[in-house]
């Protein structure tokens, strides 16, 4: 498994007082094996939490489904994030419930 981690800041333009409507700072993880990639995000202000977002297979983005939770790539990615102290892991299920705890 190959792991890439990139740092991102998403923020609104500041107004005349220097205030901004939103500010998000986070890391994106890209776990890959062959043509399969798995993406996760961890916000800097919640260092013990991470969210699995989606898979990309042959460049095609796919939602994570229940059957994917036992894929070796996801299991290995979970172990890696746990080793970094990210003990609250969630996944975007696409069921309308937003993020669900990872079993």
N, C-alpha and C. Protein backbone atom coordinates (compact mmCIF):
# COMPACT_ATOMS: atom_id res chain seq x y z
N UNK A 1 0.85 -1.18 0.00
CA UNK A 1 0.00 0.00 0.00
C UNK A 1 0.89 1.24 0.00
N UNK A 2 0.57 2.17 -0.86
CA UNK A 2 1.27 3.45 -0.92
C UNK A 2 0.38 4.51 -0.27
N UNK A 3 0.99 5.40 0.51
CA UNK A 3 0.23 6.43 1.23
C UNK A 3 0.76 7.80 0.86
N UNK A 4 -0.14 8.67 0.43
CA UNK A 4 0.17 10.09 0.23
C UNK A 4 -0.69 10.88 1.20
N UNK A 5 -0.09 11.91 1.78
CA UNK A 5 -0.81 12.78 2.72
C UNK A 5 -0.54 14.22 2.31
N UNK A 6 -1.60 14.96 2.04
CA UNK A 6 -1.44 16.36 1.65
C UNK A 6 -2.23 17.25 2.60
N UNK A 7 -1.69 18.41 2.84
CA UNK A 7 -2.29 19.38 3.77
C UNK A 7 -3.07 20.43 2.97
N UNK A 8 -4.26 20.79 3.47
CA UNK A 8 -5.12 21.73 2.76
C UNK A 8 -5.72 22.75 3.72
N UNK A 9 -5.97 23.93 3.20
CA UNK A 9 -6.71 24.97 3.92
C UNK A 9 -7.77 25.50 2.98
N UNK A 10 -9.00 25.48 3.45
CA UNK A 10 -10.13 25.99 2.69
C UNK A 10 -10.73 27.13 3.51
N UNK A 11 -10.69 28.33 2.96
CA UNK A 11 -11.16 29.48 3.71
C UNK A 11 -11.83 30.49 2.79
N UNK A 12 -12.74 31.23 3.35
CA UNK A 12 -13.40 32.31 2.62
C UNK A 12 -12.49 33.54 2.62
N UNK A 13 -12.75 34.42 1.70
CA UNK A 13 -12.04 35.71 1.70
C UNK A 13 -12.43 36.48 2.96
N UNK A 14 -11.49 37.21 3.53
CA UNK A 14 -11.80 37.99 4.73
C UNK A 14 -12.54 39.27 4.34
N UNK A 15 -13.40 39.69 5.27
CA UNK A 15 -14.13 40.93 5.03
C UNK A 15 -13.28 42.12 5.49
N UNK A 16 -13.84 43.31 5.50
CA UNK A 16 -13.07 44.52 5.85
C UNK A 16 -12.56 44.51 7.29
N UNK A 17 -13.18 43.67 8.15
CA UNK A 17 -12.72 43.55 9.54
C UNK A 17 -11.72 42.43 9.74
N UNK A 18 -11.42 41.71 8.66
CA UNK A 18 -10.50 40.59 8.75
C UNK A 18 -11.17 39.29 9.14
N UNK A 19 -12.51 39.29 9.23
CA UNK A 19 -13.25 38.09 9.60
C UNK A 19 -13.53 37.24 8.36
N UNK A 20 -13.62 35.94 8.56
CA UNK A 20 -13.96 35.02 7.47
C UNK A 20 -15.19 34.20 7.87
N UNK A 21 -15.98 33.82 6.86
CA UNK A 21 -17.18 33.02 7.13
C UNK A 21 -16.83 31.58 7.51
N UNK A 22 -15.76 31.05 6.92
CA UNK A 22 -15.37 29.68 7.24
C UNK A 22 -13.86 29.51 7.06
N UNK A 23 -13.33 28.55 7.81
CA UNK A 23 -11.92 28.21 7.75
C UNK A 23 -11.79 26.74 8.12
N UNK A 24 -11.33 25.92 7.18
CA UNK A 24 -11.12 24.50 7.43
C UNK A 24 -9.67 24.15 7.09
N UNK A 25 -9.03 23.47 8.02
CA UNK A 25 -7.67 23.00 7.80
C UNK A 25 -7.67 21.50 8.02
N UNK A 26 -7.15 20.77 7.04
CA UNK A 26 -7.26 19.32 7.10
C UNK A 26 -6.18 18.66 6.26
N UNK A 27 -6.02 17.36 6.50
CA UNK A 27 -5.13 16.53 5.69
C UNK A 27 -5.99 15.56 4.90
N UNK A 28 -5.60 15.33 3.64
CA UNK A 28 -6.22 14.31 2.81
C UNK A 28 -5.22 13.17 2.68
N UNK A 29 -5.69 11.97 2.95
CA UNK A 29 -4.90 10.76 2.79
C UNK A 29 -5.35 10.06 1.52
N UNK A 30 -4.38 9.59 0.76
CA UNK A 30 -4.66 8.79 -0.43
C UNK A 30 -3.91 7.48 -0.26
N UNK A 31 -4.68 6.41 -0.03
CA UNK A 31 -4.13 5.07 0.12
C UNK A 31 -4.32 4.36 -1.23
N UNK A 32 -3.27 3.79 -1.78
CA UNK A 32 -3.41 3.18 -3.10
C UNK A 32 -2.69 1.84 -3.20
N UNK A 33 -3.29 0.99 -4.02
CA UNK A 33 -2.72 -0.29 -4.42
C UNK A 33 -3.16 -0.52 -5.85
N UNK A 34 -2.21 -0.57 -6.75
CA UNK A 34 -2.56 -0.76 -8.16
C UNK A 34 -3.45 0.37 -8.65
N UNK A 35 -4.57 0.01 -9.26
CA UNK A 35 -5.47 1.02 -9.82
C UNK A 35 -6.55 1.46 -8.83
N UNK A 36 -6.46 0.99 -7.58
CA UNK A 36 -7.46 1.33 -6.57
C UNK A 36 -6.89 2.33 -5.57
N UNK A 37 -7.66 3.38 -5.30
CA UNK A 37 -7.29 4.39 -4.30
C UNK A 37 -8.45 4.56 -3.32
N UNK A 38 -8.11 4.87 -2.11
CA UNK A 38 -9.08 5.16 -1.06
C UNK A 38 -8.68 6.50 -0.46
N UNK A 39 -9.67 7.38 -0.29
CA UNK A 39 -9.40 8.71 0.23
C UNK A 39 -10.02 8.89 1.61
N UNK A 40 -9.29 9.59 2.48
CA UNK A 40 -9.77 9.91 3.82
C UNK A 40 -9.36 11.34 4.14
N UNK A 41 -10.10 11.95 5.07
CA UNK A 41 -9.81 13.32 5.48
C UNK A 41 -9.77 13.37 7.00
N UNK A 42 -8.85 14.18 7.53
CA UNK A 42 -8.75 14.40 8.96
C UNK A 42 -8.55 15.89 9.21
N UNK A 43 -9.48 16.49 9.96
CA UNK A 43 -9.39 17.91 10.28
C UNK A 43 -8.36 18.13 11.39
N UNK A 44 -7.58 19.18 11.26
CA UNK A 44 -6.50 19.48 12.21
C UNK A 44 -7.04 19.70 13.62
N UNK A 45 -8.23 20.31 13.74
CA UNK A 45 -8.77 20.58 15.07
C UNK A 45 -9.44 19.36 15.70
N UNK A 46 -9.45 18.22 15.01
CA UNK A 46 -9.95 16.95 15.56
C UNK A 46 -8.91 15.86 15.26
N UNK A 47 -7.75 15.94 15.92
CA UNK A 47 -6.61 15.09 15.55
C UNK A 47 -6.83 13.59 15.77
N UNK A 48 -7.84 13.20 16.54
CA UNK A 48 -8.08 11.78 16.78
C UNK A 48 -9.17 11.20 15.89
N UNK A 49 -9.61 11.97 14.90
CA UNK A 49 -10.72 11.56 14.05
C UNK A 49 -10.33 11.62 12.57
N UNK A 50 -10.88 10.68 11.79
CA UNK A 50 -10.70 10.69 10.33
C UNK A 50 -11.95 10.12 9.68
N UNK A 51 -12.18 10.54 8.45
CA UNK A 51 -13.36 10.12 7.69
C UNK A 51 -12.94 9.53 6.36
N UNK A 52 -13.36 8.30 6.09
CA UNK A 52 -13.16 7.71 4.77
C UNK A 52 -14.20 8.29 3.83
N UNK A 53 -13.75 8.78 2.68
CA UNK A 53 -14.62 9.51 1.77
C UNK A 53 -15.13 8.69 0.60
N UNK A 54 -14.22 8.08 -0.15
CA UNK A 54 -14.61 7.32 -1.33
C UNK A 54 -13.43 6.53 -1.87
N UNK A 55 -13.75 5.63 -2.79
CA UNK A 55 -12.75 4.89 -3.55
C UNK A 55 -12.63 5.51 -4.93
N UNK A 56 -11.52 5.28 -5.56
CA UNK A 56 -11.34 5.56 -6.98
C UNK A 56 -10.74 4.29 -7.58
N UNK A 57 -11.46 3.73 -8.55
CA UNK A 57 -11.00 2.50 -9.18
C UNK A 57 -10.85 2.79 -10.67
N UNK A 58 -9.62 2.64 -11.17
CA UNK A 58 -9.32 2.98 -12.56
C UNK A 58 -9.75 4.42 -12.89
N UNK A 59 -9.58 5.33 -11.91
CA UNK A 59 -9.91 6.73 -12.12
C UNK A 59 -11.38 7.09 -11.95
N UNK A 60 -12.24 6.11 -11.67
CA UNK A 60 -13.68 6.34 -11.50
C UNK A 60 -13.99 6.40 -10.00
N UNK A 61 -14.56 7.52 -9.56
CA UNK A 61 -14.93 7.69 -8.16
C UNK A 61 -16.15 6.83 -7.82
N UNK A 62 -16.10 6.17 -6.66
CA UNK A 62 -17.19 5.31 -6.21
C UNK A 62 -17.42 5.52 -4.73
N UNK A 63 -18.70 5.59 -4.35
CA UNK A 63 -19.03 5.64 -2.94
C UNK A 63 -18.60 4.34 -2.26
N UNK A 64 -18.33 4.42 -0.99
CA UNK A 64 -18.02 3.24 -0.20
C UNK A 64 -19.33 2.58 0.17
N UNK A 65 -19.41 1.26 0.00
CA UNK A 65 -20.59 0.49 0.39
C UNK A 65 -20.18 -0.50 1.47
N UNK A 66 -21.17 -1.08 2.12
CA UNK A 66 -20.90 -2.00 3.24
C UNK A 66 -19.88 -3.08 2.88
N UNK A 67 -19.99 -3.66 1.68
CA UNK A 67 -19.07 -4.73 1.28
C UNK A 67 -17.62 -4.25 1.21
N UNK A 68 -17.41 -2.94 1.01
CA UNK A 68 -16.05 -2.39 0.93
C UNK A 68 -15.35 -2.35 2.28
N UNK A 69 -16.10 -2.43 3.37
CA UNK A 69 -15.51 -2.29 4.70
C UNK A 69 -14.53 -3.40 5.03
N UNK A 70 -14.59 -4.51 4.29
CA UNK A 70 -13.65 -5.61 4.53
C UNK A 70 -12.60 -5.71 3.43
N UNK A 71 -12.60 -4.79 2.47
CA UNK A 71 -11.55 -4.79 1.43
C UNK A 71 -10.19 -4.63 2.10
N UNK A 72 -9.20 -5.38 1.62
CA UNK A 72 -7.86 -5.27 2.23
C UNK A 72 -7.31 -3.83 2.25
N UNK A 73 -7.58 -3.04 1.21
CA UNK A 73 -7.06 -1.67 1.19
C UNK A 73 -7.67 -0.85 2.31
N UNK A 74 -8.97 -0.97 2.53
CA UNK A 74 -9.61 -0.22 3.61
C UNK A 74 -9.13 -0.71 4.97
N UNK A 75 -8.99 -2.01 5.12
CA UNK A 75 -8.51 -2.56 6.40
C UNK A 75 -7.09 -2.05 6.69
N UNK A 76 -6.22 -2.06 5.69
CA UNK A 76 -4.85 -1.56 5.88
C UNK A 76 -4.84 -0.06 6.17
N UNK A 77 -5.69 0.69 5.48
CA UNK A 77 -5.78 2.14 5.72
C UNK A 77 -6.27 2.42 7.13
N UNK A 78 -7.24 1.65 7.57
CA UNK A 78 -7.75 1.80 8.94
C UNK A 78 -6.63 1.56 9.96
N UNK A 79 -5.85 0.50 9.75
CA UNK A 79 -4.74 0.20 10.66
C UNK A 79 -3.73 1.34 10.68
N UNK A 80 -3.45 1.91 9.51
CA UNK A 80 -2.50 3.03 9.44
C UNK A 80 -3.02 4.23 10.23
N UNK A 81 -4.27 4.58 10.02
CA UNK A 81 -4.82 5.74 10.73
C UNK A 81 -4.86 5.50 12.23
N UNK A 82 -5.20 4.29 12.64
CA UNK A 82 -5.17 3.97 14.07
C UNK A 82 -3.76 4.13 14.63
N UNK A 83 -2.75 3.76 13.86
CA UNK A 83 -1.37 3.89 14.32
C UNK A 83 -0.96 5.36 14.47
N UNK A 84 -1.66 6.26 13.78
CA UNK A 84 -1.42 7.70 13.91
C UNK A 84 -2.24 8.31 15.04
N UNK A 85 -2.99 7.49 15.78
CA UNK A 85 -3.80 8.00 16.89
C UNK A 85 -5.19 8.44 16.50
N UNK A 86 -5.60 8.10 15.30
CA UNK A 86 -6.95 8.45 14.84
C UNK A 86 -7.88 7.31 15.24
N UNK A 87 -8.44 7.44 16.43
CA UNK A 87 -9.23 6.35 17.01
C UNK A 87 -10.72 6.49 16.73
N UNK A 88 -11.16 7.65 16.27
CA UNK A 88 -12.57 7.84 15.89
C UNK A 88 -12.63 7.87 14.37
N UNK A 89 -12.97 6.72 13.79
CA UNK A 89 -12.99 6.58 12.34
C UNK A 89 -14.44 6.47 11.85
N UNK A 90 -14.73 7.18 10.77
CA UNK A 90 -16.07 7.18 10.19
C UNK A 90 -15.96 6.99 8.68
N UNK A 91 -17.08 6.68 8.05
CA UNK A 91 -17.11 6.53 6.59
C UNK A 91 -18.38 7.15 6.05
N UNK A 92 -18.26 7.68 4.85
CA UNK A 92 -19.38 8.32 4.17
C UNK A 92 -20.15 7.23 3.45
N UNK A 93 -21.29 6.84 4.01
CA UNK A 93 -22.01 5.67 3.53
C UNK A 93 -22.90 5.96 2.31
N UNK A 94 -23.30 7.21 2.11
CA UNK A 94 -24.18 7.51 1.00
C UNK A 94 -25.62 7.11 1.26
N UNK A 95 -25.94 6.70 2.48
CA UNK A 95 -27.30 6.30 2.82
C UNK A 95 -28.15 7.48 3.28
N UNK A 96 -27.59 8.67 3.24
CA UNK A 96 -28.33 9.82 3.74
C UNK A 96 -28.08 10.11 5.20
N UNK A 97 -27.27 9.28 5.85
CA UNK A 97 -26.96 9.46 7.26
C UNK A 97 -25.66 10.22 7.46
N UNK A 98 -25.06 10.67 6.37
CA UNK A 98 -23.78 11.35 6.48
C UNK A 98 -22.70 10.35 6.83
N UNK A 99 -21.87 10.69 7.79
CA UNK A 99 -20.77 9.81 8.21
C UNK A 99 -21.26 8.87 9.29
N UNK A 100 -20.88 7.62 9.14
CA UNK A 100 -21.23 6.60 10.12
C UNK A 100 -19.95 6.08 10.76
N UNK A 101 -20.02 5.66 12.03
CA UNK A 101 -18.82 5.07 12.66
C UNK A 101 -18.37 3.85 11.89
N UNK A 102 -17.07 3.70 11.76
CA UNK A 102 -16.51 2.53 11.09
C UNK A 102 -16.56 1.38 12.07
N UNK A 103 -17.12 0.23 11.65
CA UNK A 103 -17.20 -0.91 12.60
C UNK A 103 -15.83 -1.47 12.92
